[in-house]
Amino acid sequence: MGNIDAGQRILNDPQARDLFLKERHNHIANYEKLSDEMKKKFNDDVLQTMQQHLAALKIIKDSKSFAEYKQDSMNSENQT
């Protein structure tokens, strides 16, 4: 339940949401700075870990589906 509560707090609190998005942006920016070799090693390590924890694969798949749904709904709102 803690993850659900944290997610609700982030969604409902603009300051928490901005902090989350800023941290996420920093993670992505740092990943982009890695060399191709380091990205491959990182990605391989992540995939290996996810294979050991199959629930993680479902969470990521659900997250991607939600993100795509959210982006689609935002795009349809912006077309007016």
PDB file of N, CA and C in Angstrom:
ATOM      1  N   MET A   1       0.807  -1.196   0.000  1.00  0.00           N
ATOM      2  CA  MET A   1       0.000   0.000   0.000  1.00  0.00           C
ATOM      3  C   MET A   1       0.854   1.265   0.000  1.00  0.00           C
ATOM      4  N   GLY A   2       2.066   1.155   0.510  1.00  0.00           N
ATOM      5  CA  GLY A   2       2.921   2.334   0.562  1.00  0.00           C
ATOM      6  C   GLY A   2       3.208   2.910  -0.802  1.00  0.00           C
ATOM      7  N   ASN A   3       3.416   2.049  -1.804  1.00  0.00           N
ATOM      8  CA  ASN A   3       3.691   2.535  -3.151  1.00  0.00           C
ATOM      9  C   ASN A   3       2.490   3.251  -3.743  1.00  0.00           C
ATOM     10  N   ILE A   4       1.290   2.737  -3.451  1.00  0.00           N
ATOM     11  CA  ILE A   4       0.080   3.382  -3.949  1.00  0.00           C
ATOM     12  C   ILE A   4      -0.081   4.747  -3.301  1.00  0.00           C
ATOM     13  N   ASP A   5       0.151   4.797  -1.992  1.00  0.00           N
ATOM     14  CA  ASP A   5       0.050   6.081  -1.287  1.00  0.00           C
ATOM     15  C   ASP A   5       1.070   7.079  -1.816  1.00  0.00           C
ATOM     16  N   ALA A   6       2.289   6.616  -2.052  1.00  0.00           N
ATOM     17  CA  ALA A   6       3.332   7.506  -2.575  1.00  0.00           C
ATOM     18  C   ALA A   6       2.958   7.993  -3.972  1.00  0.00           C
ATOM     19  N   GLY A   7       2.425   7.099  -4.790  1.00  0.00           N
ATOM     20  CA  GLY A   7       2.000   7.487  -6.135  1.00  0.00           C
ATOM     21  C   GLY A   7       0.884   8.509  -6.114  1.00  0.00           C
ATOM     22  N   GLN A   8      -0.079   8.311  -5.218  1.00  0.00           N
ATOM     23  CA  GLN A   8      -1.174   9.270  -5.089  1.00  0.00           C
ATOM     24  C   GLN A   8      -0.657  10.623  -4.636  1.00  0.00           C
ATOM     25  N   ARG A   9       0.290  10.614  -3.710  1.00  0.00           N
ATOM     26  CA  ARG A   9       0.857  11.868  -3.210  1.00  0.00           C
ATOM     27  C   ARG A   9       1.554  12.611  -4.339  1.00  0.00           C
ATOM     28  N   ILE A  10       2.308  11.874  -5.154  1.00  0.00           N
ATOM     29  CA  ILE A  10       3.016  12.505  -6.268  1.00  0.00           C
ATOM     30  C   ILE A  10       2.026  13.081  -7.274  1.00  0.00           C
ATOM     31  N   LEU A  11       0.968  12.328  -7.560  1.00  0.00           N
ATOM     32  CA  LEU A  11      -0.021  12.809  -8.528  1.00  0.00           C
ATOM     33  C   LEU A  11      -0.780  14.025  -8.027  1.00  0.00           C
ATOM     34  N   ASN A  12      -1.047  14.065  -6.733  1.00  0.00           N
ATOM     35  CA  ASN A  12      -1.903  15.115  -6.178  1.00  0.00           C
ATOM     36  C   ASN A  12      -1.148  16.320  -5.629  1.00  0.00           C
ATOM     37  N   ASP A  13       0.150  16.192  -5.442  1.00  0.00           N
ATOM     38  CA  ASP A  13       0.939  17.278  -4.861  1.00  0.00           C
ATOM     39  C   ASP A  13       1.864  17.841  -5.941  1.00  0.00           C
ATOM     40  N   PRO A  14       1.595  19.065  -6.412  1.00  0.00           N
ATOM     41  CA  PRO A  14       2.417  19.636  -7.487  1.00  0.00           C
ATOM     42  C   PRO A  14       3.907  19.695  -7.140  1.00  0.00           C
ATOM     43  N   GLN A  15       4.234  19.990  -5.888  1.00  0.00           N
ATOM     44  CA  GLN A  15       5.640  20.078  -5.495  1.00  0.00           C
ATOM     45  C   GLN A  15       6.313  18.698  -5.551  1.00  0.00           C
ATOM     46  N   ALA A  16       5.620  17.672  -5.051  1.00  0.00           N
ATOM     47  CA  ALA A  16       6.166  16.312  -5.100  1.00  0.00           C
ATOM     48  C   ALA A  16       6.282  15.840  -6.546  1.00  0.00           C
ATOM     49  N   ARG A  17       5.279  16.169  -7.374  1.00  0.00           N
ATOM     50  CA  ARG A  17       5.301  15.780  -8.786  1.00  0.00           C
ATOM     51  C   ARG A  17       6.468  16.449  -9.511  1.00  0.00           C
ATOM     52  N   ASP A  18       6.680  17.743  -9.244  1.00  0.00           N
ATOM     53  CA  ASP A  18       7.790  18.454  -9.886  1.00  0.00           C
ATOM     54  C   ASP A  18       9.136  17.875  -9.465  1.00  0.00           C
ATOM     55  N   LEU A  19       9.262  17.534  -8.181  1.00  0.00           N
ATOM     56  CA  LEU A  19      10.500  16.937  -7.692  1.00  0.00           C
ATOM     57  C   LEU A  19      10.735  15.581  -8.349  1.00  0.00           C
ATOM     58  N   PHE A  20       9.680  14.770  -8.437  1.00  0.00           N
ATOM     59  CA  PHE A  20       9.791  13.470  -9.089  1.00  0.00           C
ATOM     60  C   PHE A  20      10.219  13.626 -10.546  1.00  0.00           C
ATOM     61  N   LEU A  21       9.578  14.528 -11.267  1.00  0.00           N
ATOM     62  CA  LEU A  21       9.910  14.733 -12.682  1.00  0.00           C
ATOM     63  C   LEU A  21      11.323  15.265 -12.860  1.00  0.00           C
ATOM     64  N   LYS A  22      11.768  16.144 -11.956  1.00  0.00           N
ATOM     65  CA  LYS A  22      13.136  16.671 -12.021  1.00  0.00           C
ATOM     66  C   LYS A  22      14.144  15.543 -11.810  1.00  0.00           C
ATOM     67  N   GLU A  23      13.890  14.688 -10.822  1.00  0.00           N
ATOM     68  CA  GLU A  23      14.789  13.564 -10.572  1.00  0.00           C
ATOM     69  C   GLU A  23      14.796  12.606 -11.752  1.00  0.00           C
ATOM     70  N   ARG A  24      13.626  12.351 -12.310  1.00  0.00           N
ATOM     71  CA  ARG A  24      13.523  11.460 -13.472  1.00  0.00           C
ATOM     72  C   ARG A  24      14.310  12.035 -14.649  1.00  0.00           C
ATOM     73  N   HIS A  25      14.176  13.329 -14.880  1.00  0.00           N
ATOM     74  CA  HIS A  25      14.914  13.993 -15.954  1.00  0.00           C
ATOM     75  C   HIS A  25      16.428  13.863 -15.721  1.00  0.00           C
ATOM     76  N   ASN A  26      16.866  14.033 -14.483  1.00  0.00           N
ATOM     77  CA  ASN A  26      18.293  13.904 -14.168  1.00  0.00           C
ATOM     78  C   ASN A  26      18.793  12.490 -14.425  1.00  0.00           C
ATOM     79  N   HIS A  27      17.976  11.490 -14.089  1.00  0.00           N
ATOM     80  CA  HIS A  27      18.374  10.101 -14.340  1.00  0.00           C
ATOM     81  C   HIS A  27      18.534   9.861 -15.842  1.00  0.00           C
ATOM     82  N   ILE A  28      17.584  10.359 -16.608  1.00  0.00           N
ATOM     83  CA  ILE A  28      17.642  10.182 -18.060  1.00  0.00           C
ATOM     84  C   ILE A  28      18.854  10.911 -18.644  1.00  0.00           C
ATOM     85  N   ALA A  29      19.092  12.127 -18.185  1.00  0.00           N
ATOM     86  CA  ALA A  29      20.238  12.899 -18.676  1.00  0.00           C
ATOM     87  C   ALA A  29      21.545  12.190 -18.348  1.00  0.00           C
ATOM     88  N   ASN A  30      21.645  11.641 -17.150  1.00  0.00           N
ATOM     89  CA  ASN A  30      22.865  10.921 -16.767  1.00  0.00           C
ATOM     90  C   ASN A  30      23.033   9.652 -17.587  1.00  0.00           C
ATOM     91  N   TYR A  31      21.939   8.958 -17.865  1.00  0.00           N
ATOM     92  CA  TYR A  31      22.008   7.763 -18.706  1.00  0.00           C
ATOM     93  C   TYR A  31      22.513   8.126 -20.099  1.00  0.00           C
ATOM     94  N   GLU A  32      22.015   9.224 -20.634  1.00  0.00           N
ATOM     95  CA  GLU A  32      22.421   9.644 -21.975  1.00  0.00           C
ATOM     96  C   GLU A  32      23.903   9.995 -22.056  1.00  0.00           C
ATOM     97  N   LYS A  33      24.500  10.346 -20.938  1.00  0.00           N
ATOM     98  CA  LYS A  33      25.926  10.680 -20.912  1.00  0.00           C
ATOM     99  C   LYS A  33      26.821   9.445 -20.944  1.00  0.00           C
ATOM    100  N   LEU A  34      26.245   8.273 -20.660  1.00  0.00           N
ATOM    101  CA  LEU A  34      27.037   7.051 -20.642  1.00  0.00           C
ATOM    102  C   LEU A  34      27.504   6.692 -22.051  1.00  0.00           C
ATOM    103  N   SER A  35      28.632   6.031 -22.122  1.00  0.00           N
ATOM    104  CA  SER A  35      29.105   5.527 -23.412  1.00  0.00           C
ATOM    105  C   SER A  35      28.188   4.385 -23.847  1.00  0.00           C
ATOM    106  N   ASP A  36      28.243   4.039 -25.121  1.00  0.00           N
ATOM    107  CA  ASP A  36      27.416   2.939 -25.626  1.00  0.00           C
ATOM    108  C   ASP A  36      27.716   1.642 -24.878  1.00  0.00           C
ATOM    109  N   GLU A  37      28.980   1.415 -24.572  1.00  0.00           N
ATOM    110  CA  GLU A  37      29.376   0.201 -23.851  1.00  0.00           C
ATOM    111  C   GLU A  37      28.767   0.180 -22.438  1.00  0.00           C
ATOM    112  N   MET A  38      28.801   1.322 -21.767  1.00  0.00           N
ATOM    113  CA  MET A  38      28.239   1.406 -20.419  1.00  0.00           C
ATOM    114  C   MET A  38      26.711   1.260 -20.462  1.00  0.00           C
ATOM    115  N   LYS A  39      26.061   1.844 -21.483  1.00  0.00           N
ATOM    116  CA  LYS A  39      24.608   1.692 -21.616  1.00  0.00           C
ATOM    117  C   LYS A  39      24.248   0.223 -21.803  1.00  0.00           C
ATOM    118  N   LYS A  40      25.017  -0.485 -22.654  1.00  0.00           N
ATOM    119  CA  LYS A  40      24.750  -1.892 -22.899  1.00  0.00           C
ATOM    120  C   LYS A  40      24.904  -2.693 -21.619  1.00  0.00           C
ATOM    121  N   LYS A  41      25.971  -2.443 -20.865  1.00  0.00           N
ATOM    122  CA  LYS A  41      26.180  -3.166 -19.608  1.00  0.00           C
ATOM    123  C   LYS A  41      25.054  -2.858 -18.627  1.00  0.00           C
ATOM    124  N   PHE A  42      24.685  -1.599 -18.509  1.00  0.00           N
ATOM    125  CA  PHE A  42      23.601  -1.204 -17.611  1.00  0.00           C
ATOM    126  C   PHE A  42      22.305  -1.901 -18.002  1.00  0.00           C
ATOM    127  N   ASN A  43      21.974  -1.852 -19.291  1.00  0.00           N
ATOM    128  CA  ASN A  43      20.735  -2.469 -19.770  1.00  0.00           C
ATOM    129  C   ASN A  43      20.747  -3.977 -19.552  1.00  0.00           C
ATOM    130  N   ASP A  44      21.895  -4.624 -19.808  1.00  0.00           N
ATOM    131  CA  ASP A  44      22.006  -6.064 -19.582  1.00  0.00           C
ATOM    132  C   ASP A  44      21.803  -6.398 -18.107  1.00  0.00           C
ATOM    133  N   ASP A  45      22.391  -5.589 -17.224  1.00  0.00           N
ATOM    134  CA  ASP A  45      22.234  -5.812 -15.788  1.00  0.00           C
ATOM    135  C   ASP A  45      20.779  -5.632 -15.357  1.00  0.00           C
ATOM    136  N   VAL A  46      20.120  -4.629 -15.901  1.00  0.00           N
ATOM    137  CA  VAL A  46      18.712  -4.391 -15.570  1.00  0.00           C
ATOM    138  C   VAL A  46      17.867  -5.567 -16.046  1.00  0.00           C
ATOM    139  N   LEU A  47      18.097  -6.025 -17.271  1.00  0.00           N
ATOM    140  CA  LEU A  47      17.325  -7.156 -17.797  1.00  0.00           C
ATOM    141  C   LEU A  47      17.562  -8.417 -16.989  1.00  0.00           C
ATOM    142  N   GLN A  48      18.797  -8.648 -16.595  1.00  0.00           N
ATOM    143  CA  GLN A  48      19.110  -9.824 -15.784  1.00  0.00           C
ATOM    144  C   GLN A  48      18.382  -9.762 -14.440  1.00  0.00           C
ATOM    145  N   THR A  49      18.386  -8.608 -13.828  1.00  0.00           N
ATOM    146  CA  THR A  49      17.687  -8.437 -12.549  1.00  0.00           C
ATOM    147  C   THR A  49      16.193  -8.638 -12.719  1.00  0.00           C
ATOM    148  N   MET A  50      15.628  -8.084 -13.795  1.00  0.00           N
ATOM    149  CA  MET A  50      14.191  -8.211 -14.032  1.00  0.00           C
ATOM    150  C   MET A  50      13.805  -9.662 -14.284  1.00  0.00           C
ATOM    151  N   GLN A  51      14.671 -10.424 -14.940  1.00  0.00           N
ATOM    152  CA  GLN A  51      14.369 -11.831 -15.185  1.00  0.00           C
ATOM    153  C   GLN A  51      14.343 -12.610 -13.881  1.00  0.00           C
ATOM    154  N   GLN A  52      15.120 -12.168 -12.901  1.00  0.00           N
ATOM    155  CA  GLN A  52      15.121 -12.818 -11.591  1.00  0.00           C
ATOM    156  C   GLN A  52      13.879 -12.442 -10.794  1.00  0.00           C
ATOM    157  N   HIS A  53      13.268 -11.321 -11.135  1.00  0.00           N
ATOM    158  CA  HIS A  53      12.089 -10.824 -10.428  1.00  0.00           C
ATOM    159  C   HIS A  53      11.010 -10.542 -11.464  1.00  0.00           C
ATOM    160  N   LEU A  54      10.285 -11.576 -11.843  1.00  0.00           N
ATOM    161  CA  LEU A  54       9.327 -11.454 -12.937  1.00  0.00           C
ATOM    162  C   LEU A  54       8.225 -10.438 -12.644  1.00  0.00           C
ATOM    163  N   ALA A  55       7.944 -10.187 -11.382  1.00  0.00           N
ATOM    164  CA  ALA A  55       6.933  -9.173 -11.052  1.00  0.00           C
ATOM    165  C   ALA A  55       7.373  -7.804 -11.558  1.00  0.00           C
ATOM    166  N   ALA A  56       8.685  -7.573 -11.606  1.00  0.00           N
ATOM    167  CA  ALA A  56       9.206  -6.296 -12.100  1.00  0.00           C
ATOM    168  C   ALA A  56       8.845  -6.106 -13.568  1.00  0.00           C
ATOM    169  N   LEU A  57       8.878  -7.178 -14.337  1.00  0.00           N
ATOM    170  CA  LEU A  57       8.517  -7.078 -15.751  1.00  0.00           C
ATOM    171  C   LEU A  57       7.068  -6.634 -15.913  1.00  0.00           C
ATOM    172  N   LYS A  58       6.182  -7.181 -15.092  1.00  0.00           N
ATOM    173  CA  LYS A  58       4.772  -6.793 -15.158  1.00  0.00           C
ATOM    174  C   LYS A  58       4.592  -5.330 -14.767  1.00  0.00           C
ATOM    175  N   ILE A  59       5.297  -4.893 -13.750  1.00  0.00           N
ATOM    176  CA  ILE A  59       5.189  -3.497 -13.311  1.00  0.00           C
ATOM    177  C   ILE A  59       5.644  -2.561 -14.421  1.00  0.00           C
ATOM    178  N   ILE A  60       6.764  -2.885 -15.051  1.00  0.00           N
ATOM    179  CA  ILE A  60       7.290  -2.025 -16.120  1.00  0.00           C
ATOM    180  C   ILE A  60       6.349  -2.042 -17.321  1.00  0.00           C
ATOM    181  N   LYS A  61       5.842  -3.221 -17.667  1.00  0.00           N
ATOM    182  CA  LYS A  61       4.896  -3.309 -18.781  1.00  0.00           C
ATOM    183  C   LYS A  61       3.652  -2.477 -18.487  1.00  0.00           C
ATOM    184  N   ASP A  62       3.128  -2.588 -17.263  1.00  0.00           N
ATOM    185  CA  ASP A  62       1.955  -1.798 -16.880  1.00  0.00           C
ATOM    186  C   ASP A  62       2.276  -0.311 -16.895  1.00  0.00           C
ATOM    187  N   SER A  63       3.462   0.065 -16.451  1.00  0.00           N
ATOM    188  CA  SER A  63       3.867   1.469 -16.429  1.00  0.00           C
ATOM    189  C   SER A  63       3.950   2.021 -17.851  1.00  0.00           C
ATOM    190  N   LYS A  64       4.532   1.227 -18.756  1.00  0.00           N
ATOM    191  CA  LYS A  64       4.627   1.670 -20.143  1.00  0.00           C
ATOM    192  C   LYS A  64       3.240   1.822 -20.755  1.00  0.00           C
ATOM    193  N   SER A  65       2.352   0.884 -20.461  1.00  0.00           N
ATOM    194  CA  SER A  65       0.994   0.966 -20.993  1.00  0.00           C
ATOM    195  C   SER A  65       0.295   2.216 -20.476  1.00  0.00           C
ATOM    196  N   PHE A  66       0.467   2.492 -19.184  1.00  0.00           N
ATOM    197  CA  PHE A  66      -0.155   3.679 -18.595  1.00  0.00           C
ATOM    198  C   PHE A  66       0.434   4.941 -19.213  1.00  0.00           C
ATOM    199  N   ALA A  67       1.760   4.979 -19.379  1.00  0.00           N
ATOM    200  CA  ALA A  67       2.410   6.163 -19.952  1.00  0.00           C
ATOM    201  C   ALA A  67       1.926   6.394 -21.381  1.00  0.00           C
ATOM    202  N   GLU A  68       1.803   5.320 -22.152  1.00  0.00           N
ATOM    203  CA  GLU A  68       1.314   5.456 -23.522  1.00  0.00           C
ATOM    204  C   GLU A  68      -0.136   5.928 -23.529  1.00  0.00           C
ATOM    205  N   TYR A  69      -0.951   5.387 -22.632  1.00  0.00           N
ATOM    206  CA  TYR A  69      -2.352   5.816 -22.522  1.00  0.00           C
ATOM    207  C   TYR A  69      -2.426   7.285 -22.149  1.00  0.00           C
ATOM    208  N   LYS A  70      -1.613   7.682 -21.167  1.00  0.00           N
ATOM    209  CA  LYS A  70      -1.611   9.067 -20.702  1.00  0.00           C
ATOM    210  C   LYS A  70      -1.177   9.991 -21.843  1.00  0.00           C
ATOM    211  N   GLN A  71      -0.137   9.606 -22.587  1.00  0.00           N
ATOM    212  CA  GLN A  71       0.345  10.430 -23.694  1.00  0.00           C
ATOM    213  C   GLN A  71      -0.717  10.533 -24.778  1.00  0.00           C
ATOM    214  N   ASP A  72      -1.385   9.423 -25.082  1.00  0.00           N
ATOM    215  CA  ASP A  72      -2.458   9.445 -26.079  1.00  0.00           C
ATOM    216  C   ASP A  72      -3.583  10.367 -25.653  1.00  0.00           C
ATOM    217  N   SER A  73      -3.954  10.309 -24.363  1.00  0.00           N
ATOM    218  CA  SER A  73      -5.051  11.169 -23.899  1.00  0.00           C
ATOM    219  C   SER A  73      -4.621  12.631 -23.898  1.00  0.00           C
ATOM    220  N   MET A  74      -3.359  12.902 -23.588  1.00  0.00           N
ATOM    221  CA  MET A  74      -2.874  14.292 -23.626  1.00  0.00           C
ATOM    222  C   MET A  74      -2.855  14.803 -25.058  1.00  0.00           C
ATOM    223  N   ASN A  75      -2.448  13.955 -25.994  1.00  0.00           N
ATOM    224  CA  ASN A  75      -2.410  14.363 -27.396  1.00  0.00           C
ATOM    225  C   ASN A  75      -3.815  14.640 -27.918  1.00  0.00           C
ATOM    226  N   SER A  76      -4.784  13.823 -27.533  1.00  0.00           N
ATOM    227  CA  SER A  76      -6.143  14.045 -28.017  1.00  0.00           C
ATOM    228  C   SER A  76      -6.728  15.325 -27.427  1.00  0.00           C
ATOM    229  N   GLU A  77      -6.346  15.680 -26.193  1.00  0.00           N
ATOM    230  CA  GLU A  77      -6.826  16.928 -25.585  1.00  0.00           C
ATOM    231  C   GLU A  77      -6.199  18.133 -26.271  1.00  0.00           C
ATOM    232  N   ASN A  78      -4.958  18.006 -26.706  1.00  0.00           N
ATOM    233  CA  ASN A  78      -4.247  19.133 -27.317  1.00  0.00           C
ATOM    234  C   ASN A  78      -4.619  19.347 -28.782  1.00  0.00           C
ATOM    235  N   GLN A  79      -5.365  18.452 -29.382  1.00  0.00           N
ATOM    236  CA  GLN A  79      -5.719  18.594 -30.790  1.00  0.00           C
ATOM    237  C   GLN A  79      -6.866  19.573 -30.999  1.00  0.00           C
ATOM    238  N   THR A  80      -7.511  19.998 -29.946  1.00  0.00           N
ATOM    239  CA  THR A  80      -8.643  20.923 -30.109  1.00  0.00           C
ATOM    240  C   THR A  80      -8.166  22.335 -30.259  1.00  0.00           C
TER     241      THR A  80
END
